[in-house]
Amino acid sequence: MRTERENLTPLVEQLYGIVQQLESLFPGRPCTLDGHLVGSLGEVLAAQHYSLALLPPSAERHDAKASDGRLVQVKATQVNRVSLSSCPDHLLVLRVARDGTFHEVYNGPGKLAWDATGKLQKNGQRSVGLAKLAKLMSEVPLAQRLVRSMIGEVSVGAS
């Protein structure tokens, strides 16, 4: 029996449909899903598809814990880059599509990605492009990547 948590794709697709309707009503005014909402969507999609246990919101440096104990920072985006404020143990970068699906851009050691970031910005973060992360991903052995499951239960509040 499926629970509502098992398939987020239709819900994300509905969000984008609403954005499209708003943009039709107000031509020239972008109504993008960004910031906190996209980040939270990325975290729950990652929890669902990689069987991660989510840490409490706003936990320092990491968003989830893998079944093997690795701490994971999840970054979700709709643009061509992500920003990091510190070096995570493991980094998972997802590009979220309008139809509620996502593309895995990077899944590997945080240090490899951190070392590829640019200069420190005024906001205390360092950014890195998705193209650079995709290239780095080719260097990450399969054994170091999180395994993607078909559909998993979303665990919230792991310690």
N, C-alpha and C. Protein backbone atom coordinates (compact mmCIF):
# COMPACT_ATOMS: atom_id res chain seq x y z
N MET A 1 0.84 -1.18 0.00
CA MET A 1 0.00 0.00 0.00
C MET A 1 0.88 1.24 0.00
N ARG A 2 0.61 2.14 -0.89
CA ARG A 2 1.41 3.38 -1.00
C ARG A 2 0.92 4.42 -0.01
N THR A 3 1.88 5.14 0.56
CA THR A 3 1.51 6.27 1.41
C THR A 3 1.74 7.53 0.59
N GLU A 4 1.21 8.66 1.08
CA GLU A 4 1.39 9.92 0.37
C GLU A 4 2.86 10.28 0.26
N ARG A 5 3.68 9.83 1.20
CA ARG A 5 5.10 10.16 1.19
C ARG A 5 5.86 9.42 0.11
N GLU A 6 5.32 8.31 -0.36
CA GLU A 6 6.07 7.47 -1.27
C GLU A 6 6.30 8.07 -2.64
N ASN A 7 5.44 8.94 -3.09
CA ASN A 7 5.64 9.49 -4.42
C ASN A 7 5.39 11.00 -4.41
N LEU A 8 6.48 11.74 -4.32
CA LEU A 8 6.40 13.19 -4.27
C LEU A 8 6.27 13.82 -5.66
N THR A 9 6.58 13.06 -6.71
CA THR A 9 6.62 13.60 -8.06
C THR A 9 5.34 14.35 -8.45
N PRO A 10 4.15 13.79 -8.24
CA PRO A 10 2.94 14.52 -8.65
C PRO A 10 2.75 15.82 -7.85
N LEU A 11 3.16 15.84 -6.59
CA LEU A 11 3.01 17.04 -5.78
C LEU A 11 3.94 18.15 -6.27
N VAL A 12 5.17 17.78 -6.59
CA VAL A 12 6.12 18.77 -7.11
C VAL A 12 5.63 19.29 -8.46
N GLU A 13 5.11 18.39 -9.28
CA GLU A 13 4.58 18.80 -10.58
C GLU A 13 3.42 19.79 -10.41
N GLN A 14 2.57 19.57 -9.40
CA GLN A 14 1.48 20.50 -9.13
C GLN A 14 2.00 21.87 -8.73
N LEU A 15 3.05 21.90 -7.91
CA LEU A 15 3.65 23.19 -7.52
C LEU A 15 4.09 23.97 -8.75
N TYR A 16 4.76 23.28 -9.66
CA TYR A 16 5.22 23.96 -10.88
C TYR A 16 4.05 24.38 -11.76
N GLY A 17 2.97 23.62 -11.73
CA GLY A 17 1.77 24.01 -12.48
C GLY A 17 1.19 25.31 -11.93
N ILE A 18 1.18 25.44 -10.62
CA ILE A 18 0.70 26.67 -9.99
C ILE A 18 1.60 27.85 -10.36
N VAL A 19 2.90 27.62 -10.35
CA VAL A 19 3.84 28.67 -10.76
C VAL A 19 3.54 29.10 -12.19
N GLN A 20 3.30 28.15 -13.07
CA GLN A 20 3.00 28.47 -14.47
C GLN A 20 1.72 29.30 -14.59
N GLN A 21 0.71 28.95 -13.79
CA GLN A 21 -0.54 29.71 -13.81
C GLN A 21 -0.31 31.14 -13.33
N LEU A 22 0.47 31.31 -12.25
CA LEU A 22 0.77 32.64 -11.74
C LEU A 22 1.52 33.47 -12.78
N GLU A 23 2.48 32.85 -13.45
CA GLU A 23 3.25 33.57 -14.47
C GLU A 23 2.38 33.94 -15.67
N SER A 24 1.36 33.13 -15.96
CA SER A 24 0.42 33.47 -17.04
C SER A 24 -0.46 34.65 -16.65
N LEU A 25 -0.84 34.70 -15.38
CA LEU A 25 -1.66 35.80 -14.89
C LEU A 25 -0.90 37.12 -14.83
N PHE A 26 0.42 37.01 -14.59
CA PHE A 26 1.25 38.21 -14.44
C PHE A 26 2.46 38.11 -15.37
N PRO A 27 2.26 38.30 -16.67
CA PRO A 27 3.35 38.19 -17.65
C PRO A 27 4.54 39.08 -17.28
N GLY A 28 5.70 38.52 -17.44
CA GLY A 28 6.92 39.26 -17.14
C GLY A 28 7.33 39.20 -15.68
N ARG A 29 6.49 38.60 -14.83
CA ARG A 29 6.80 38.50 -13.40
C ARG A 29 7.13 37.05 -13.09
N PRO A 30 8.40 36.71 -12.89
CA PRO A 30 8.74 35.33 -12.58
C PRO A 30 8.28 34.95 -11.18
N CYS A 31 7.68 33.81 -11.07
CA CYS A 31 7.23 33.27 -9.78
C CYS A 31 7.97 31.96 -9.53
N THR A 32 9.27 32.05 -9.39
CA THR A 32 10.08 30.84 -9.30
C THR A 32 10.02 30.22 -7.91
N LEU A 33 10.12 28.90 -7.90
CA LEU A 33 10.29 28.17 -6.64
C LEU A 33 11.79 28.22 -6.37
N ASP A 34 12.16 28.80 -5.27
CA ASP A 34 13.58 28.87 -4.98
C ASP A 34 13.83 28.86 -3.49
N GLY A 35 15.07 29.00 -3.14
CA GLY A 35 15.45 29.13 -1.75
C GLY A 35 15.06 27.95 -0.89
N HIS A 36 14.41 28.26 0.20
CA HIS A 36 14.11 27.26 1.22
C HIS A 36 13.23 26.13 0.70
N LEU A 37 12.23 26.45 -0.11
CA LEU A 37 11.32 25.42 -0.60
C LEU A 37 12.04 24.39 -1.48
N VAL A 38 12.86 24.84 -2.41
CA VAL A 38 13.59 23.91 -3.27
C VAL A 38 14.56 23.07 -2.43
N GLY A 39 15.20 23.70 -1.45
CA GLY A 39 16.09 22.96 -0.57
C GLY A 39 15.36 21.86 0.20
N SER A 40 14.20 22.20 0.72
CA SER A 40 13.41 21.21 1.46
C SER A 40 12.90 20.11 0.53
N LEU A 41 12.48 20.48 -0.68
CA LEU A 41 12.07 19.46 -1.65
C LEU A 41 13.21 18.51 -1.95
N GLY A 42 14.41 19.07 -2.13
CA GLY A 42 15.58 18.23 -2.39
C GLY A 42 15.86 17.27 -1.25
N GLU A 43 15.71 17.74 -0.03
CA GLU A 43 15.96 16.89 1.13
C GLU A 43 14.98 15.72 1.20
N VAL A 44 13.68 16.01 0.98
CA VAL A 44 12.71 14.91 1.06
C VAL A 44 12.82 13.97 -0.14
N LEU A 45 13.15 14.51 -1.32
CA LEU A 45 13.39 13.63 -2.47
C LEU A 45 14.59 12.73 -2.21
N ALA A 46 15.65 13.31 -1.65
CA ALA A 46 16.85 12.52 -1.33
C ALA A 46 16.53 11.46 -0.29
N ALA A 47 15.78 11.84 0.75
CA ALA A 47 15.42 10.86 1.78
C ALA A 47 14.64 9.71 1.17
N GLN A 48 13.73 10.06 0.29
CA GLN A 48 12.88 9.05 -0.34
C GLN A 48 13.66 8.13 -1.27
N HIS A 49 14.51 8.69 -2.09
CA HIS A 49 15.17 7.90 -3.13
C HIS A 49 16.53 7.31 -2.73
N TYR A 50 17.08 7.75 -1.61
CA TYR A 50 18.37 7.22 -1.16
C TYR A 50 18.26 6.62 0.24
N SER A 51 17.04 6.45 0.73
CA SER A 51 16.78 5.88 2.05
C SER A 51 17.59 6.58 3.14
N LEU A 52 17.54 7.90 3.14
CA LEU A 52 18.25 8.70 4.14
C LEU A 52 17.32 9.03 5.29
N ALA A 53 17.89 9.17 6.47
CA ALA A 53 17.14 9.64 7.63
C ALA A 53 17.43 11.13 7.77
N LEU A 54 16.39 11.95 7.67
CA LEU A 54 16.57 13.39 7.75
C LEU A 54 16.90 13.82 9.17
N LEU A 55 17.86 14.73 9.30
CA LEU A 55 18.18 15.34 10.57
C LEU A 55 17.19 16.47 10.82
N PRO A 56 17.14 17.00 12.03
CA PRO A 56 16.22 18.12 12.27
C PRO A 56 16.54 19.29 11.33
N PRO A 57 15.52 20.07 10.95
CA PRO A 57 15.76 21.21 10.06
C PRO A 57 16.83 22.15 10.63
N SER A 58 17.61 22.72 9.73
CA SER A 58 18.68 23.66 10.07
C SER A 58 19.80 23.05 10.90
N ALA A 59 19.96 21.73 10.82
CA ALA A 59 21.10 21.09 11.49
C ALA A 59 22.38 21.63 10.84
N GLU A 60 23.41 21.81 11.63
CA GLU A 60 24.64 22.39 11.10
C GLU A 60 25.35 21.43 10.15
N ARG A 61 25.66 21.88 8.97
CA ARG A 61 26.49 21.23 7.96
C ARG A 61 25.87 20.04 7.23
N HIS A 62 25.01 19.28 7.85
CA HIS A 62 24.44 18.09 7.20
C HIS A 62 22.91 18.09 7.33
N ASP A 63 22.27 17.43 6.36
CA ASP A 63 20.81 17.37 6.33
C ASP A 63 20.27 15.99 6.65
N ALA A 64 21.10 14.96 6.49
CA ALA A 64 20.61 13.60 6.63
C ALA A 64 21.74 12.65 7.02
N LYS A 65 21.31 11.44 7.36
CA LYS A 65 22.26 10.39 7.70
C LYS A 65 21.92 9.16 6.87
N ALA A 66 22.95 8.60 6.22
CA ALA A 66 22.77 7.39 5.41
C ALA A 66 22.73 6.17 6.32
N SER A 67 22.22 5.08 5.80
CA SER A 67 22.12 3.85 6.60
C SER A 67 23.48 3.33 7.06
N ASP A 68 24.54 3.71 6.33
CA ASP A 68 25.89 3.28 6.73
C ASP A 68 26.55 4.26 7.70
N GLY A 69 25.79 5.28 8.14
CA GLY A 69 26.29 6.23 9.12
C GLY A 69 26.88 7.51 8.54
N ARG A 70 27.07 7.57 7.22
CA ARG A 70 27.61 8.80 6.62
C ARG A 70 26.66 9.96 6.80
N LEU A 71 27.22 11.10 7.15
CA LEU A 71 26.43 12.33 7.23
C LEU A 71 26.43 12.97 5.84
N VAL A 72 25.26 13.42 5.41
CA VAL A 72 25.06 13.88 4.04
C VAL A 72 24.48 15.29 4.01
N GLN A 73 25.09 16.14 3.19
CA GLN A 73 24.49 17.44 2.90
C GLN A 73 23.81 17.31 1.54
N VAL A 74 22.56 17.72 1.48
CA VAL A 74 21.78 17.67 0.24
C VAL A 74 21.63 19.09 -0.29
N LYS A 75 21.97 19.28 -1.55
CA LYS A 75 21.77 20.56 -2.22
C LYS A 75 20.86 20.31 -3.41
N ALA A 76 19.77 21.07 -3.49
CA ALA A 76 18.87 20.97 -4.63
C ALA A 76 18.85 22.33 -5.31
N THR A 77 18.75 22.31 -6.62
CA THR A 77 18.77 23.56 -7.37
C THR A 77 17.95 23.44 -8.64
N GLN A 78 17.64 24.60 -9.20
CA GLN A 78 17.01 24.67 -10.51
C GLN A 78 17.90 25.47 -11.46
N VAL A 79 19.00 25.95 -10.94
CA VAL A 79 19.92 26.76 -11.74
C VAL A 79 21.21 25.97 -11.99
N ASN A 80 22.26 26.64 -12.40
CA ASN A 80 23.47 25.92 -12.82
C ASN A 80 24.57 25.88 -11.77
N ARG A 81 24.24 26.18 -10.51
CA ARG A 81 25.27 26.14 -9.46
C ARG A 81 24.63 25.94 -8.10
N VAL A 82 25.46 25.54 -7.15
CA VAL A 82 25.05 25.44 -5.74
C VAL A 82 26.10 26.14 -4.90
N SER A 83 25.74 26.48 -3.68
CA SER A 83 26.67 27.12 -2.76
C SER A 83 26.81 26.29 -1.50
N LEU A 84 28.02 26.28 -0.99
CA LEU A 84 28.33 25.54 0.24
C LEU A 84 28.91 26.51 1.26
N SER A 85 28.56 26.31 2.52
CA SER A 85 29.12 27.17 3.57
C SER A 85 30.20 26.44 4.37
N SER A 86 30.29 25.12 4.19
CA SER A 86 31.33 24.34 4.85
C SER A 86 31.51 23.03 4.09
N CYS A 87 32.53 22.30 4.45
CA CYS A 87 32.84 21.04 3.77
C CYS A 87 32.07 19.89 4.43
N PRO A 88 31.10 19.33 3.73
CA PRO A 88 30.33 18.21 4.30
C PRO A 88 31.10 16.90 4.18
N ASP A 89 30.68 15.92 4.97
CA ASP A 89 31.28 14.59 4.85
C ASP A 89 30.95 14.00 3.48
N HIS A 90 29.68 14.04 3.12
CA HIS A 90 29.23 13.53 1.82
C HIS A 90 28.27 14.58 1.24
N LEU A 91 28.35 14.78 -0.06
CA LEU A 91 27.51 15.77 -0.73
C LEU A 91 26.67 15.10 -1.81
N LEU A 92 25.37 15.43 -1.79
CA LEU A 92 24.45 14.95 -2.82
C LEU A 92 23.81 16.19 -3.43
N VAL A 93 24.02 16.40 -4.73
CA VAL A 93 23.46 17.56 -5.43
C VAL A 93 22.44 17.07 -6.45
N LEU A 94 21.24 17.61 -6.34
CA LEU A 94 20.14 17.23 -7.22
C LEU A 94 19.62 18.45 -7.97
N ARG A 95 19.37 18.28 -9.26
CA ARG A 95 18.72 19.34 -10.04
C ARG A 95 17.26 18.92 -10.19
N VAL A 96 16.36 19.72 -9.62
CA VAL A 96 14.94 19.40 -9.61
C VAL A 96 14.29 19.94 -10.87
N ALA A 97 13.52 19.09 -11.52
CA ALA A 97 12.83 19.46 -12.77
C ALA A 97 11.38 19.86 -12.48
N ARG A 98 10.79 20.57 -13.43
CA ARG A 98 9.41 21.06 -13.29
C ARG A 98 8.38 19.92 -13.19
N ASP A 99 8.72 18.74 -13.69
CA ASP A 99 7.76 17.63 -13.63
C ASP A 99 7.86 16.84 -12.34
N GLY A 100 8.67 17.32 -11.39
CA GLY A 100 8.80 16.65 -10.10
C GLY A 100 9.89 15.61 -10.04
N THR A 101 10.55 15.37 -11.16
CA THR A 101 11.66 14.43 -11.16
C THR A 101 12.95 15.20 -10.84
N PHE A 102 14.03 14.48 -10.70
CA PHE A 102 15.30 15.13 -10.45
C PHE A 102 16.42 14.39 -11.14
N HIS A 103 17.52 15.09 -11.33
CA HIS A 103 18.72 14.51 -11.92
C HIS A 103 19.84 14.60 -10.88
N GLU A 104 20.50 13.49 -10.63
CA GLU A 104 21.63 13.47 -9.71
C GLU A 104 22.84 14.08 -10.41
N VAL A 105 23.34 15.18 -9.89
CA VAL A 105 24.49 15.87 -10.48
C VAL A 105 25.78 15.42 -9.83
N TYR A 106 25.75 15.29 -8.51
CA TYR A 106 26.95 14.89 -7.76
C TYR A 106 26.53 14.05 -6.57
N ASN A 107 27.30 13.00 -6.31
CA ASN A 107 27.04 12.07 -5.21
C ASN A 107 28.39 11.52 -4.81
N GLY A 108 29.04 12.20 -3.85
CA GLY A 108 30.37 11.76 -3.48
C GLY A 108 30.93 12.49 -2.28
N PRO A 109 32.21 12.29 -2.03
CA PRO A 109 32.85 12.92 -0.88
C PRO A 109 32.72 14.44 -0.93
N GLY A 110 32.39 15.03 0.21
CA GLY A 110 32.24 16.46 0.28
C GLY A 110 33.54 17.21 -0.01
N LYS A 111 34.66 16.65 0.41
CA LYS A 111 35.94 17.34 0.22
C LYS A 111 36.28 17.54 -1.25
N LEU A 112 35.99 16.56 -2.08
CA LEU A 112 36.26 16.68 -3.51
C LEU A 112 35.49 17.87 -4.10
N ALA A 113 34.23 18.01 -3.73
CA ALA A 113 33.42 19.13 -4.21
C ALA A 113 33.87 20.45 -3.56
N TRP A 114 34.14 20.43 -2.27
CA TRP A 114 34.56 21.64 -1.55
C TRP A 114 35.83 22.22 -2.15
N ASP A 115 36.77 21.35 -2.49
CA ASP A 115 38.03 21.81 -3.08
C ASP A 115 37.84 22.45 -4.44
N ALA A 116 36.69 22.22 -5.07
CA ALA A 116 36.40 22.78 -6.39
C ALA A 116 35.60 24.09 -6.32
N THR A 117 35.23 24.51 -5.11
CA THR A 117 34.43 25.72 -4.98
C THR A 117 35.28 26.97 -5.23
N GLY A 118 34.59 28.05 -5.52
CA GLY A 118 35.26 29.33 -5.77
C GLY A 118 35.59 30.06 -4.48
N LYS A 119 35.93 31.33 -4.65
CA LYS A 119 36.30 32.16 -3.51
C LYS A 119 35.11 32.38 -2.57
N LEU A 120 35.43 32.64 -1.33
CA LEU A 120 34.43 32.94 -0.33
C LEU A 120 33.67 34.21 -0.72
N GLN A 121 32.34 34.11 -0.74
CA GLN A 121 31.49 35.25 -1.08
C GLN A 121 31.13 36.02 0.19
N LYS A 122 30.55 37.19 0.03
CA LYS A 122 30.18 38.02 1.17
C LYS A 122 29.20 37.33 2.11
N ASN A 123 28.40 36.42 1.58
CA ASN A 123 27.42 35.72 2.40
C ASN A 123 28.01 34.53 3.16
N GLY A 124 29.32 34.35 3.05
CA GLY A 124 29.99 33.27 3.76
C GLY A 124 29.95 31.93 3.06
N GLN A 125 29.51 31.92 1.80
CA GLN A 125 29.41 30.67 1.05
C GLN A 125 30.36 30.68 -0.14
N ARG A 126 30.64 29.49 -0.61
CA ARG A 126 31.45 29.29 -1.81
C ARG A 126 30.57 28.56 -2.83
N SER A 127 30.61 28.99 -4.08
CA SER A 127 29.75 28.34 -5.07
C SER A 127 30.58 27.48 -6.02
N VAL A 128 29.87 26.55 -6.64
CA VAL A 128 30.48 25.65 -7.62
C VAL A 128 29.42 25.34 -8.67
N GLY A 129 29.84 25.32 -9.93
CA GLY A 129 28.91 25.05 -11.03
C GLY A 129 28.56 23.57 -11.15
N LEU A 130 27.37 23.32 -11.67
CA LEU A 130 26.92 21.94 -11.85
C LEU A 130 27.77 21.20 -12.87
N ALA A 131 28.27 21.90 -13.89
CA ALA A 131 29.12 21.25 -14.90
C ALA A 131 30.40 20.73 -14.24
N LYS A 132 30.97 21.54 -13.36
CA LYS A 132 32.18 21.12 -12.66
C LYS A 132 31.90 19.93 -11.74
N LEU A 133 30.76 19.98 -11.05
CA LEU A 133 30.39 18.86 -10.18
C LEU A 133 30.14 17.58 -10.97
N ALA A 134 29.50 17.71 -12.14
CA ALA A 134 29.25 16.54 -12.98
C ALA A 134 30.57 15.92 -13.43
N LYS A 135 31.54 16.75 -13.74
CA LYS A 135 32.85 16.24 -14.15
C LYS A 135 33.53 15.54 -12.97
N LEU A 136 33.46 16.13 -11.79
CA LEU A 136 34.04 15.51 -10.60
C LEU A 136 33.37 14.17 -10.29
N MET A 137 32.08 14.10 -10.54
CA MET A 137 31.32 12.87 -10.28
C MET A 137 31.92 11.68 -11.01
N SER A 138 32.47 11.92 -12.17
CA SER A 138 33.07 10.81 -12.93
C SER A 138 34.29 10.23 -12.23
N GLU A 139 34.85 10.97 -11.28
CA GLU A 139 36.01 10.50 -10.52
C GLU A 139 35.62 9.73 -9.26
N VAL A 140 34.34 9.76 -8.90
CA VAL A 140 33.88 9.12 -7.67
C VAL A 140 33.56 7.65 -7.93
N PRO A 141 34.29 6.73 -7.29
CA PRO A 141 33.98 5.31 -7.47
C PRO A 141 32.57 4.98 -6.99
N LEU A 142 31.92 4.02 -7.62
CA LEU A 142 30.56 3.62 -7.24
C LEU A 142 30.47 3.29 -5.75
N ALA A 143 31.50 2.68 -5.20
CA ALA A 143 31.48 2.27 -3.79
C ALA A 143 31.40 3.47 -2.85
N GLN A 144 31.77 4.67 -3.31
CA GLN A 144 31.72 5.86 -2.46
C GLN A 144 30.42 6.65 -2.62
N ARG A 145 29.57 6.23 -3.53
CA ARG A 145 28.30 6.93 -3.77
C ARG A 145 27.19 6.35 -2.91
N LEU A 146 26.20 7.17 -2.62
CA LEU A 146 24.99 6.67 -1.97
C LEU A 146 24.23 5.85 -2.99
N VAL A 147 23.64 4.76 -2.56
CA VAL A 147 22.87 3.90 -3.46
C VAL A 147 21.45 4.44 -3.55
N ARG A 148 21.00 4.59 -4.77
CA ARG A 148 19.63 5.08 -4.99
C ARG A 148 18.67 3.90 -4.96
N SER A 149 17.65 4.01 -4.11
CA SER A 149 16.63 2.97 -4.02
C SER A 149 15.47 3.34 -4.93
N MET A 150 14.58 2.42 -5.13
CA MET A 150 13.42 2.70 -5.97
C MET A 150 12.57 3.77 -5.29
N ILE A 151 11.88 3.43 -4.27
CA ILE A 151 11.11 4.36 -3.46
C ILE A 151 11.28 3.89 -2.02
N GLY A 152 11.70 4.81 -1.16
CA GLY A 152 11.90 4.43 0.23
C GLY A 152 11.05 5.29 1.15
N GLU A 153 10.86 4.83 2.36
CA GLU A 153 10.14 5.62 3.36
C GLU A 153 10.99 6.82 3.72
N VAL A 154 10.40 7.92 3.98
CA VAL A 154 11.10 9.12 4.43
C VAL A 154 11.21 9.03 5.95
N SER A 155 12.44 9.03 6.45
CA SER A 155 12.67 9.03 7.89
C SER A 155 13.00 10.45 8.32
N VAL A 156 12.36 10.90 9.36
CA VAL A 156 12.59 12.26 9.84
C VAL A 156 13.09 12.21 11.27
N GLY A 157 14.09 13.05 11.57
CA GLY A 157 14.53 13.21 12.94
C GLY A 157 15.56 12.19 13.42
N ALA A 158 16.40 11.68 12.53
CA ALA A 158 17.44 10.75 12.97
C ALA A 158 18.50 11.52 13.73
N SER A 159 19.19 10.82 14.59
CA SER A 159 20.26 11.52 15.34
C SER A 159 21.63 11.09 14.90
